[in-house]
N, C-alpha and C. Protein backbone atom coordinates (compact mmCIF):
# COMPACT_ATOMS: atom_id res chain seq x y z
N MET A 1 24.40 3.19 13.60
CA MET A 1 23.40 2.16 12.76
C MET A 1 23.55 2.24 11.30
N SER A 2 23.63 1.40 11.06
CA SER A 2 23.83 1.31 9.30
C SER A 2 22.83 1.10 8.87
N SER A 3 22.66 1.89 7.15
CA SER A 3 21.70 1.84 6.81
C SER A 3 21.27 1.02 6.00
N ILE A 4 21.14 -0.51 6.55
CA ILE A 4 20.92 -1.83 5.95
C ILE A 4 19.74 -1.62 7.23
N LEU A 5 20.40 -1.38 8.71
CA LEU A 5 19.00 -1.53 9.52
C LEU A 5 17.94 -0.69 9.84
N THR A 6 18.66 0.67 9.10
CA THR A 6 17.14 1.54 8.81
C THR A 6 16.27 1.30 8.02
N LEU A 7 17.31 0.63 7.03
CA LEU A 7 16.26 0.22 5.66
C LEU A 7 15.31 -1.03 6.04
N GLY A 8 15.47 -1.92 7.08
CA GLY A 8 14.83 -3.07 7.00
C GLY A 8 13.55 -2.64 8.08
N SER A 9 13.74 -1.29 9.08
CA SER A 9 13.02 -0.70 9.82
C SER A 9 11.84 -0.31 9.30
N MET A 10 11.36 0.13 7.87
CA MET A 10 11.35 0.84 6.91
C MET A 10 9.56 0.85 7.17
N TYR A 11 8.88 1.06 7.27
CA TYR A 11 6.89 1.15 7.10
C TYR A 11 6.70 1.69 5.26
N THR A 12 5.76 0.81 4.69
CA THR A 12 5.24 1.20 3.47
C THR A 12 4.05 1.59 2.86
N VAL A 13 3.37 2.64 2.84
CA VAL A 13 2.26 2.85 2.82
C VAL A 13 2.24 2.58 0.70
N TYR A 14 1.17 1.97 0.08
CA TYR A 14 0.90 1.83 -0.78
C TYR A 14 -0.29 1.28 -1.14
N VAL A 15 -0.08 1.82 -2.71
CA VAL A 15 -1.60 0.93 -3.37
C VAL A 15 -1.58 0.74 -4.21
N ILE A 16 -2.85 -0.11 -4.67
CA ILE A 16 -2.21 -1.30 -4.87
C ILE A 16 -4.08 -1.26 -6.52
N GLN A 17 -3.69 -1.94 -7.62
CA GLN A 17 -4.79 -1.63 -8.24
C GLN A 17 -5.04 -3.37 -9.06
N SER A 18 -6.24 -3.12 -8.59
CA SER A 18 -7.29 -4.98 -9.19
C SER A 18 -6.93 -4.50 -11.10
N GLU A 19 -6.07 -5.32 -11.42
CA GLU A 19 -6.50 -6.28 -12.52
C GLU A 19 -7.53 -6.35 -13.45
N LYS A 20 -8.43 -7.12 -12.72
CA LYS A 20 -9.94 -7.51 -12.75
C LYS A 20 -10.82 -6.36 -12.85
N ASN A 21 -11.11 -5.34 -12.18
CA ASN A 21 -12.00 -4.12 -12.07
C ASN A 21 -11.76 -2.98 -11.72
N HIS A 22 -10.55 -2.89 -11.60
CA HIS A 22 -9.52 -1.31 -11.70
C HIS A 22 -9.58 -0.62 -10.15
N SER A 23 -10.32 -1.26 -9.30
CA SER A 23 -10.31 -0.50 -8.15
C SER A 23 -8.90 -0.21 -7.35
N TYR A 24 -8.62 0.60 -6.14
CA TYR A 24 -7.80 0.69 -5.53
C TYR A 24 -7.63 -0.09 -4.42
N TYR A 25 -6.46 -0.13 -3.50
CA TYR A 25 -6.87 -0.78 -2.47
C TYR A 25 -5.41 0.08 -1.33
N THR A 26 -5.40 0.54 -0.45
CA THR A 26 -4.62 1.33 0.18
C THR A 26 -4.45 0.87 1.32
N GLY A 27 -2.61 0.12 2.04
CA GLY A 27 -2.43 -0.31 3.15
C GLY A 27 -1.03 0.49 3.44
N PHE A 28 -0.64 -0.36 4.85
CA PHE A 28 0.16 -0.24 4.95
C PHE A 28 1.00 -1.45 5.13
N THR A 29 2.28 -1.26 5.47
CA THR A 29 3.10 -3.33 5.77
C THR A 29 4.51 -2.63 6.61
N LYS A 30 5.24 -3.63 6.97
CA LYS A 30 6.84 -3.20 7.19
C LYS A 30 7.48 -4.20 5.80
N ASN A 31 6.36 -5.17 5.57
CA ASN A 31 7.12 -5.98 4.62
C ASN A 31 6.31 -6.03 2.81
N LEU A 32 6.73 -5.29 1.74
CA LEU A 32 6.01 -4.89 0.92
C LEU A 32 5.67 -5.94 0.16
N GLU A 33 6.88 -7.12 -0.41
CA GLU A 33 7.25 -7.94 -1.07
C GLU A 33 6.16 -9.34 -0.65
N ARG A 34 5.73 -9.20 1.01
CA ARG A 34 5.00 -10.96 1.30
C ARG A 34 4.00 -10.06 0.73
N ARG A 35 3.06 -8.91 1.42
CA ARG A 35 1.82 -8.09 1.56
C ARG A 35 1.12 -8.49 0.18
N LEU A 36 2.20 -7.97 -1.01
CA LEU A 36 1.81 -7.91 -2.54
C LEU A 36 1.17 -9.70 -2.38
N TYR A 37 2.70 -10.40 -2.01
CA TYR A 37 2.01 -12.01 -2.47
C TYR A 37 0.85 -12.00 -1.79
N GLU A 38 0.83 -11.50 -0.71
CA GLU A 38 -0.36 -12.03 -0.12
C GLU A 38 -1.65 -12.16 -1.00
N HIS A 39 -1.88 -10.64 -1.11
CA HIS A 39 -2.75 -9.99 -1.61
C HIS A 39 -3.16 -10.56 -3.24
N ASN A 40 -2.12 -11.15 -4.03
CA ASN A 40 -1.70 -11.76 -5.11
C ASN A 40 -2.46 -13.60 -5.32
N HIS A 41 -1.94 -13.70 -3.90
CA HIS A 41 -2.28 -15.74 -4.02
C HIS A 41 -3.96 -15.52 -2.75
N ASN A 42 -4.66 -14.54 -2.66
CA ASN A 42 -5.91 -14.65 -1.98
C ASN A 42 -5.95 -14.92 -0.57
N ASN A 43 -4.69 -14.60 0.17
CA ASN A 43 -4.58 -14.41 1.35
C ASN A 43 -4.40 -13.09 2.21
N THR A 44 -5.86 -12.32 1.61
CA THR A 44 -6.28 -11.73 1.88
C THR A 44 -7.70 -10.93 2.21
N ARG A 45 -9.08 -11.34 3.39
CA ARG A 45 -9.81 -11.65 3.54
C ARG A 45 -10.50 -11.07 2.25
N SER A 46 -10.58 -9.28 3.08
CA SER A 46 -11.18 -7.97 2.15
C SER A 46 -10.99 -8.35 0.50
N LEU A 47 -9.86 -8.71 -0.18
CA LEU A 47 -9.52 -8.86 -1.41
C LEU A 47 -10.00 -10.18 -2.15
N ILE A 48 -10.21 -10.96 -1.46
CA ILE A 48 -10.71 -12.26 -1.76
C ILE A 48 -11.10 -12.82 -3.32
N ASN A 49 -9.87 -12.89 -4.60
CA ASN A 49 -11.14 -12.80 -6.00
C ASN A 49 -10.85 -11.23 -6.79
N LYS A 50 -10.27 -10.58 -6.26
CA LYS A 50 -10.19 -9.08 -6.78
C LYS A 50 -8.88 -8.47 -7.58
N GLY A 51 -7.97 -9.79 -7.32
CA GLY A 51 -6.68 -9.66 -7.94
C GLY A 51 -6.88 -10.75 -9.43
N PRO A 52 -5.76 -10.39 -9.95
CA PRO A 52 -4.47 -9.51 -9.83
C PRO A 52 -4.13 -8.56 -9.57
N PHE A 53 -3.45 -7.74 -8.88
CA PHE A 53 -3.13 -6.63 -8.44
C PHE A 53 -2.11 -6.15 -8.28
N THR A 54 -1.69 -4.43 -9.02
CA THR A 54 -0.67 -4.17 -10.00
C THR A 54 -0.21 -2.81 -8.38
N LEU A 55 1.21 -3.08 -7.85
CA LEU A 55 1.33 -1.72 -7.14
C LEU A 55 1.25 -0.94 -7.99
N VAL A 56 0.81 0.47 -7.52
CA VAL A 56 1.14 1.76 -8.43
C VAL A 56 1.52 2.79 -7.73
N TYR A 57 1.43 2.38 -6.85
CA TYR A 57 1.81 4.05 -5.73
C TYR A 57 2.61 2.91 -4.55
N LYS A 58 3.61 3.90 -3.82
CA LYS A 58 4.24 3.62 -2.25
C LYS A 58 5.29 4.64 -1.62
N GLU A 59 4.86 5.13 -0.59
CA GLU A 59 5.90 5.81 0.19
C GLU A 59 6.11 4.94 1.78
N GLU A 60 7.67 5.33 2.07
CA GLU A 60 7.90 4.88 3.11
C GLU A 60 8.12 5.65 4.04
N PHE A 61 8.35 4.87 5.58
CA PHE A 61 8.24 5.73 6.88
C PHE A 61 9.08 5.44 7.98
N PHE A 62 9.91 6.16 8.57
CA PHE A 62 10.34 5.34 10.00
C PHE A 62 9.52 4.82 11.05
N ASN A 63 8.14 5.14 11.12
CA ASN A 63 7.58 5.06 12.06
C ASN A 63 5.80 4.24 11.88
N ILE A 64 5.26 3.34 13.12
CA ILE A 64 4.25 2.89 11.96
C ILE A 64 3.33 4.38 12.55
N GLN A 65 3.54 5.27 13.72
CA GLN A 65 2.35 6.42 13.48
C GLN A 65 1.96 6.89 12.30
N GLU A 66 3.36 7.66 11.37
CA GLU A 66 3.25 7.88 10.13
C GLU A 66 2.50 7.41 9.35
N ALA A 67 3.26 6.11 8.93
CA ALA A 67 2.80 5.15 8.58
C ALA A 67 0.95 5.43 7.85
N ARG A 68 0.63 4.74 9.34
CA ARG A 68 -0.83 4.78 10.09
C ARG A 68 -0.74 6.32 9.11
N GLU A 69 -0.79 7.55 9.45
CA GLU A 69 -1.68 8.74 9.65
C GLU A 69 -1.64 8.86 8.11
N ARG A 70 -0.09 8.65 6.80
CA ARG A 70 -0.70 8.45 5.83
C ARG A 70 -1.97 7.97 5.02
N GLU A 71 -1.42 6.56 4.92
CA GLU A 71 -2.37 5.87 5.11
C GLU A 71 -4.02 6.82 5.11
N ARG A 72 -4.71 6.60 6.17
CA ARG A 72 -5.77 6.92 6.25
C ARG A 72 -6.00 8.59 5.89
N GLN A 73 -4.88 9.55 5.57
CA GLN A 73 -4.96 10.75 4.72
C GLN A 73 -5.25 10.52 3.09
N ILE A 74 -4.61 9.26 2.33
CA ILE A 74 -4.82 8.70 1.49
C ILE A 74 -5.86 8.27 0.88
N LYS A 75 -6.38 7.55 2.31
CA LYS A 75 -8.06 6.93 2.19
C LYS A 75 -9.01 7.80 1.78
N SER A 76 -8.85 9.19 2.43
CA SER A 76 -10.04 10.39 2.95
C SER A 76 -9.69 10.56 1.96
N TYR A 77 -8.85 10.68 0.81
CA TYR A 77 -8.62 11.33 -0.43
C TYR A 77 -10.38 10.11 -1.28
N LYS A 78 -10.56 9.62 -1.00
CA LYS A 78 -11.38 9.21 -2.06
C LYS A 78 -11.93 8.97 -3.24
N GLY A 79 -10.44 8.82 -3.92
CA GLY A 79 -11.03 8.57 -5.33
C GLY A 79 -10.58 9.48 -6.19
N GLY A 80 -10.51 10.82 -5.00
CA GLY A 80 -11.03 12.34 -5.40
C GLY A 80 -9.72 12.80 -6.14
N ASN A 81 -9.83 14.36 -6.68
CA ASN A 81 -8.27 14.68 -7.08
C ASN A 81 -7.27 14.44 -6.56
N ALA A 82 -7.27 14.74 -5.17
CA ALA A 82 -5.95 14.72 -4.37
C ALA A 82 -5.52 13.15 -4.59
N PHE A 83 -6.44 12.33 -4.52
CA PHE A 83 -6.16 10.84 -4.88
C PHE A 83 -5.48 10.57 -6.59
N LYS A 84 -5.84 11.51 -7.43
CA LYS A 84 -5.66 11.50 -8.77
C LYS A 84 -4.26 11.65 -9.12
N LYS A 85 -4.18 12.97 -8.51
CA LYS A 85 -2.77 13.25 -8.26
C LYS A 85 -1.78 12.44 -7.64
N LEU A 86 -1.47 12.14 -6.60
CA LEU A 86 -1.00 11.54 -6.01
C LEU A 86 -0.23 10.09 -7.09
N LEU A 87 -1.23 9.62 -7.89
CA LEU A 87 -0.80 8.29 -8.74
C LEU A 87 0.01 8.86 -9.60
N VAL A 88 -0.21 9.97 -10.43
CA VAL A 88 0.16 10.75 -11.52
C VAL A 88 1.42 10.79 -11.20
């Protein structure tokens, strides 16, 4: 299998920050560029009018289960010290 195919099948867990209210949002996607575009163009119902957003953190995973698990873990940090260490 070529490395191009491997990279194309990656899932990205990401953290974005609102430039408007400085809050954070964590999610995962198979296409980070498209997802950031959606967030910044009010195509995400939960984040309408909360952008623009800046990508502040990302991790890549080979399968969706690992990505979901990591997203849940990051969300469980709830802005505490573990979350702050992640962003440093």
